[in-house]
C-alpha atoms as a PDB file:
ATOM      1  CA  UNK A   1       0.000   0.000   0.000  1.00  0.00           C
ATOM      2  CA  UNK A   2       1.283   3.440  -0.905  1.00  0.00           C
ATOM      3  CA  UNK A   3       2.148   5.533   2.138  1.00  0.00           C
ATOM      4  CA  UNK A   4       0.626   8.998   2.483  1.00  0.00           C
ATOM      5  CA  UNK A   5       2.483  10.892   5.192  1.00  0.00           C
ATOM      6  CA  UNK A   6      -0.121  13.569   5.891  1.00  0.00           C
ATOM      7  CA  UNK A   7      -3.034  11.101   5.932  1.00  0.00           C
ATOM      8  CA  UNK A   8      -1.104   8.808   8.263  1.00  0.00           C
ATOM      9  CA  UNK A   9      -0.313  11.601  10.696  1.00  0.00           C
ATOM     10  CA  UNK A  10      -3.867  12.975  10.687  1.00  0.00           C
ATOM     11  CA  UNK A  11      -5.339   9.485  11.105  1.00  0.00           C
ATOM     12  CA  UNK A  12      -3.010   8.682  14.014  1.00  0.00           C
ATOM     13  CA  UNK A  13      -4.207  11.886  15.676  1.00  0.00           C
ATOM     14  CA  UNK A  14      -7.933  11.454  14.909  1.00  0.00           C
ATOM     15  CA  UNK A  15      -8.486   7.743  15.551  1.00  0.00           C
ATOM     16  CA  UNK A  16      -7.925   7.895  19.346  1.00  0.00           C
ATOM     17  CA  UNK A  17     -10.171  10.964  19.585  1.00  0.00           C
ATOM     18  CA  UNK A  18     -12.950   9.262  17.612  1.00  0.00           C
ATOM     19  CA  UNK A  19     -12.652   6.142  19.801  1.00  0.00           C
ATOM     20  CA  UNK A  20     -12.820   8.292  22.931  1.00  0.00           C
ATOM     21  CA  UNK A  21     -15.928  10.009  21.579  1.00  0.00           C
ATOM     22  CA  UNK A  22     -17.468   6.586  20.868  1.00  0.00           C
ATOM     23  CA  UNK A  23     -16.984   5.583  24.500  1.00  0.00           C
ATOM     24  CA  UNK A  24     -18.439   8.916  25.642  1.00  0.00           C
ATOM     25  CA  UNK A  25     -21.539   8.364  23.503  1.00  0.00           C
ATOM     26  CA  UNK A  26     -21.813   4.787  24.778  1.00  0.00           C
ATOM     27  CA  UNK A  27     -21.739   5.677  28.449  1.00  0.00           C
ATOM     28  CA  UNK A  28     -23.620   8.971  28.144  1.00  0.00           C
ATOM     29  CA  UNK A  29     -26.544   7.213  26.428  1.00  0.00           C
ATOM     30  CA  UNK A  30     -28.244   6.642  29.791  1.00  0.00           C
ATOM     31  CA  UNK A  31     -28.556  10.357  30.423  1.00  0.00           C
ATOM     32  CA  UNK A  32     -28.882  11.976  26.989  1.00  0.00           C
ATOM     33  CA  UNK A  33     -28.774  11.355  23.271  1.00  0.00           C
ATOM     34  CA  UNK A  34     -26.628   8.438  22.276  1.00  0.00           C
ATOM     35  CA  UNK A  35     -26.240   4.859  23.228  1.00  0.00           C
ATOM     36  CA  UNK A  36     -25.115   1.570  21.819  1.00  0.00           C
ATOM     37  CA  UNK A  37     -26.038   1.955  18.176  1.00  0.00           C
ATOM     38  CA  UNK A  38     -24.524   5.405  17.790  1.00  0.00           C
ATOM     39  CA  UNK A  39     -21.411   4.440  19.740  1.00  0.00           C
ATOM     40  CA  UNK A  40     -20.971   1.291  17.661  1.00  0.00           C
ATOM     41  CA  UNK A  41     -21.168   3.288  14.438  1.00  0.00           C
ATOM     42  CA  UNK A  42     -18.659   5.866  15.695  1.00  0.00           C
ATOM     43  CA  UNK A  43     -16.276   3.145  16.903  1.00  0.00           C
ATOM     44  CA  UNK A  44     -16.542   1.370  13.553  1.00  0.00           C
ATOM     45  CA  UNK A  45     -15.877   4.650  11.731  1.00  0.00           C
ATOM     46  CA  UNK A  46     -12.554   4.984  13.558  1.00  0.00           C
ATOM     47  CA  UNK A  47     -11.555   1.449  12.610  1.00  0.00           C
ATOM     48  CA  UNK A  48     -12.688   1.991   9.005  1.00  0.00           C
ATOM     49  CA  UNK A  49     -10.546   5.137   8.871  1.00  0.00           C
ATOM     50  CA  UNK A  50      -7.604   2.987   9.991  1.00  0.00           C
ATOM     51  CA  UNK A  51      -8.516   0.449   7.321  1.00  0.00           C
ATOM     52  CA  UNK A  52      -8.620   3.060   4.570  1.00  0.00           C
ATOM     53  CA  UNK A  53      -5.382   4.776   5.556  1.00  0.00           C
ATOM     54  CA  UNK A  54      -3.196   1.886   6.712  1.00  0.00           C
ATOM     55  CA  UNK A  55      -4.646  -1.032   4.745  1.00  0.00           C
ATOM     56  CA  UNK A  56      -6.333  -4.318   5.459  1.00  0.00           C
ATOM     57  CA  UNK A  57      -3.292  -6.175   6.809  1.00  0.00           C
ATOM     58  CA  UNK A  58      -2.500  -3.539   9.436  1.00  0.00           C
ATOM     59  CA  UNK A  59      -6.128  -3.258  10.556  1.00  0.00           C
ATOM     60  CA  UNK A  60      -6.597  -7.035  10.589  1.00  0.00           C
ATOM     61  CA  UNK A  61      -3.545  -7.235  12.858  1.00  0.00           C
ATOM     62  CA  UNK A  62      -5.182  -4.621  15.122  1.00  0.00           C
ATOM     63  CA  UNK A  63      -8.645  -6.275  15.150  1.00  0.00           C
ATOM     64  CA  UNK A  64      -8.706  -9.817  13.670  1.00  0.00           C
ATOM     65  CA  UNK A  65     -11.784 -11.066  11.840  1.00  0.00           C
ATOM     66  CA  UNK A  66     -12.220 -13.891  14.358  1.00  0.00           C
ATOM     67  CA  UNK A  67     -12.511 -11.364  17.204  1.00  0.00           C
ATOM     68  CA  UNK A  68     -15.119  -9.406  15.244  1.00  0.00           C
ATOM     69  CA  UNK A  69     -17.192 -12.526  14.610  1.00  0.00           C
ATOM     70  CA  UNK A  70     -17.099 -13.354  18.315  1.00  0.00           C
ATOM     71  CA  UNK A  71     -17.974  -9.743  19.151  1.00  0.00           C
ATOM     72  CA  UNK A  72     -20.980  -9.761  16.826  1.00  0.00           C
ATOM     73  CA  UNK A  73     -22.372 -12.862  18.504  1.00  0.00           C
ATOM     74  CA  UNK A  74     -21.375 -11.779  22.016  1.00  0.00           C
ATOM     75  CA  UNK A  75     -23.274  -8.498  21.728  1.00  0.00           C
ATOM     76  CA  UNK A  76     -26.474 -10.310  20.793  1.00  0.00           C
ATOM     77  CA  UNK A  77     -25.935 -12.770  23.656  1.00  0.00           C
ATOM     78  CA  UNK A  78     -25.469  -9.902  26.123  1.00  0.00           C
ATOM     79  CA  UNK A  79     -28.689  -8.280  24.926  1.00  0.00           C
ATOM     80  CA  UNK A  80     -30.657 -11.524  25.106  1.00  0.00           C
ATOM     81  CA  UNK A  81     -28.966 -12.494  28.362  1.00  0.00           C
ATOM     82  CA  UNK A  82     -30.253  -9.370  30.091  1.00  0.00           C
ATOM     83  CA  UNK A  83     -33.763 -10.333  29.008  1.00  0.00           C
ATOM     84  CA  UNK A  84     -33.364 -13.879  30.266  1.00  0.00           C
ATOM     85  CA  UNK A  85     -31.883 -12.619  33.543  1.00  0.00           C
ATOM     86  CA  UNK A  86     -34.973 -10.438  33.947  1.00  0.00           C
ATOM     87  CA  UNK A  87     -37.203 -13.461  33.413  1.00  0.00           C
ATOM     88  CA  UNK A  88     -35.219 -15.562  35.894  1.00  0.00           C
ATOM     89  CA  UNK A  89     -35.444 -12.758  38.469  1.00  0.00           C
ATOM     90  CA  UNK A  90     -39.239 -12.849  38.259  1.00  0.00           C
ATOM     91  CA  UNK A  91     -39.904  -9.990  35.878  1.00  0.00           C
ATOM     92  CA  UNK A  92     -40.839  -9.715  32.229  1.00  0.00           C
ATOM     93  CA  UNK A  93     -38.342  -9.991  29.379  1.00  0.00           C
ATOM     94  CA  UNK A  94     -36.078  -6.903  29.509  1.00  0.00           C
ATOM     95  CA  UNK A  95     -37.809  -5.639  32.658  1.00  0.00           C
ATOM     96  CA  UNK A  96     -34.761  -4.012  34.208  1.00  0.00           C
ATOM     97  CA  UNK A  97     -36.410  -3.193  37.535  1.00  0.00           C
ATOM     98  CA  UNK A  98     -35.788  -6.695  38.900  1.00  0.00           C
ATOM     99  CA  UNK A  99     -32.055  -6.750  38.096  1.00  0.00           C
ATOM    100  CA  UNK A 100     -30.984  -4.993  41.310  1.00  0.00           C
ATOM    101  CA  UNK A 101     -32.148  -4.284  44.844  1.00  0.00           C
ATOM    102  CA  UNK A 102     -34.124  -1.217  43.769  1.00  0.00           C
ATOM    103  CA  UNK A 103     -35.797  -0.275  40.504  1.00  0.00           C
ATOM    104  CA  UNK A 104     -33.518   2.679  39.696  1.00  0.00           C
ATOM    105  CA  UNK A 105     -30.330   0.639  40.083  1.00  0.00           C
ATOM    106  CA  UNK A 106     -31.895  -2.146  38.031  1.00  0.00           C
ATOM    107  CA  UNK A 107     -32.808   0.300  35.263  1.00  0.00           C
ATOM    108  CA  UNK A 108     -29.263   1.665  35.146  1.00  0.00           C
ATOM    109  CA  UNK A 109     -27.664  -1.775  35.114  1.00  0.00           C
ATOM    110  CA  UNK A 110     -30.064  -3.165  32.523  1.00  0.00           C
ATOM    111  CA  UNK A 111     -29.776  -0.297  30.064  1.00  0.00           C
ATOM    112  CA  UNK A 112     -25.990  -0.202  30.453  1.00  0.00           C
ATOM    113  CA  UNK A 113     -25.712  -3.902  29.602  1.00  0.00           C
ATOM    114  CA  UNK A 114     -28.235  -3.785  26.752  1.00  0.00           C
ATOM    115  CA  UNK A 115     -26.585  -0.746  25.179  1.00  0.00           C
ATOM    116  CA  UNK A 116     -23.163  -2.384  25.545  1.00  0.00           C
ATOM    117  CA  UNK A 117     -24.461  -5.429  23.698  1.00  0.00           C
ATOM    118  CA  UNK A 118     -25.914  -3.278  20.928  1.00  0.00           C
ATOM    119  CA  UNK A 119     -22.696  -1.263  20.626  1.00  0.00           C
ATOM    120  CA  UNK A 120     -20.496  -4.346  20.411  1.00  0.00           C
ATOM    121  CA  UNK A 121     -22.691  -5.964  17.764  1.00  0.00           C
ATOM    122  CA  UNK A 122     -23.084  -2.837  15.632  1.00  0.00           C
ATOM    123  CA  UNK A 123     -19.355  -2.063  15.683  1.00  0.00           C
ATOM    124  CA  UNK A 124     -18.353  -5.638  14.917  1.00  0.00           C
ATOM    125  CA  UNK A 125     -20.805  -6.065  12.041  1.00  0.00           C
ATOM    126  CA  UNK A 126     -19.907  -2.720  10.452  1.00  0.00           C
ATOM    127  CA  UNK A 127     -16.189  -3.500  10.629  1.00  0.00           C
ATOM    128  CA  UNK A 128     -16.795  -6.970   9.200  1.00  0.00           C
ATOM    129  CA  UNK A 129     -18.690  -5.377   6.306  1.00  0.00           C
ATOM    130  CA  UNK A 130     -15.825  -2.956   5.720  1.00  0.00           C
ATOM    131  CA  UNK A 131     -13.339  -5.851   5.745  1.00  0.00           C
ATOM    132  CA  UNK A 132     -15.516  -7.674   3.229  1.00  0.00           C
ATOM    133  CA  UNK A 133     -15.737  -4.672   0.922  1.00  0.00           C
ATOM    134  CA  UNK A 134     -11.999  -4.045   1.221  1.00  0.00           C
ATOM    135  CA  UNK A 135     -11.224  -7.663   0.317  1.00  0.00           C
ATOM    136  CA  UNK A 136     -13.666  -7.620  -2.617  1.00  0.00           C
ATOM    137  CA  UNK A 137     -12.058  -4.437  -3.929  1.00  0.00           C
ATOM    138  CA  UNK A 138      -8.663  -6.127  -4.009  1.00  0.00           C
ATOM    139  CA  UNK A 139     -10.012  -9.336  -5.565  1.00  0.00           C
ATOM    140  CA  UNK A 140     -11.658  -7.546  -8.494  1.00  0.00           C
END
């Protein structure tokens, strides 16, 4: 892959900031706009920027495809697991109130876990799609 000095420097500066913003959106989603889906998209955008600037091999070394496949499934399992935990605790599916000693703590724990699951799945699937498109572009 041809090296572009300015793009490399700008990307190395921006990627950590975009990842930090993704985590802010993830954990601020309880109290304002944002949450798992938006954070997953922002996180994936940072990784896709790395993919575009540094190439598939470097990004694959950073986040292997196998890890992304596990992440995609793990996020769905976290989401569903919170629902099942609610059922086992005597509530309805995704009824967060029963997940802790009081309803407010249960709501916070439940939404945090559900949004984490959504964020992990969205980020993993978007990065997997980008990997697929990148590979198809080189195969053609």
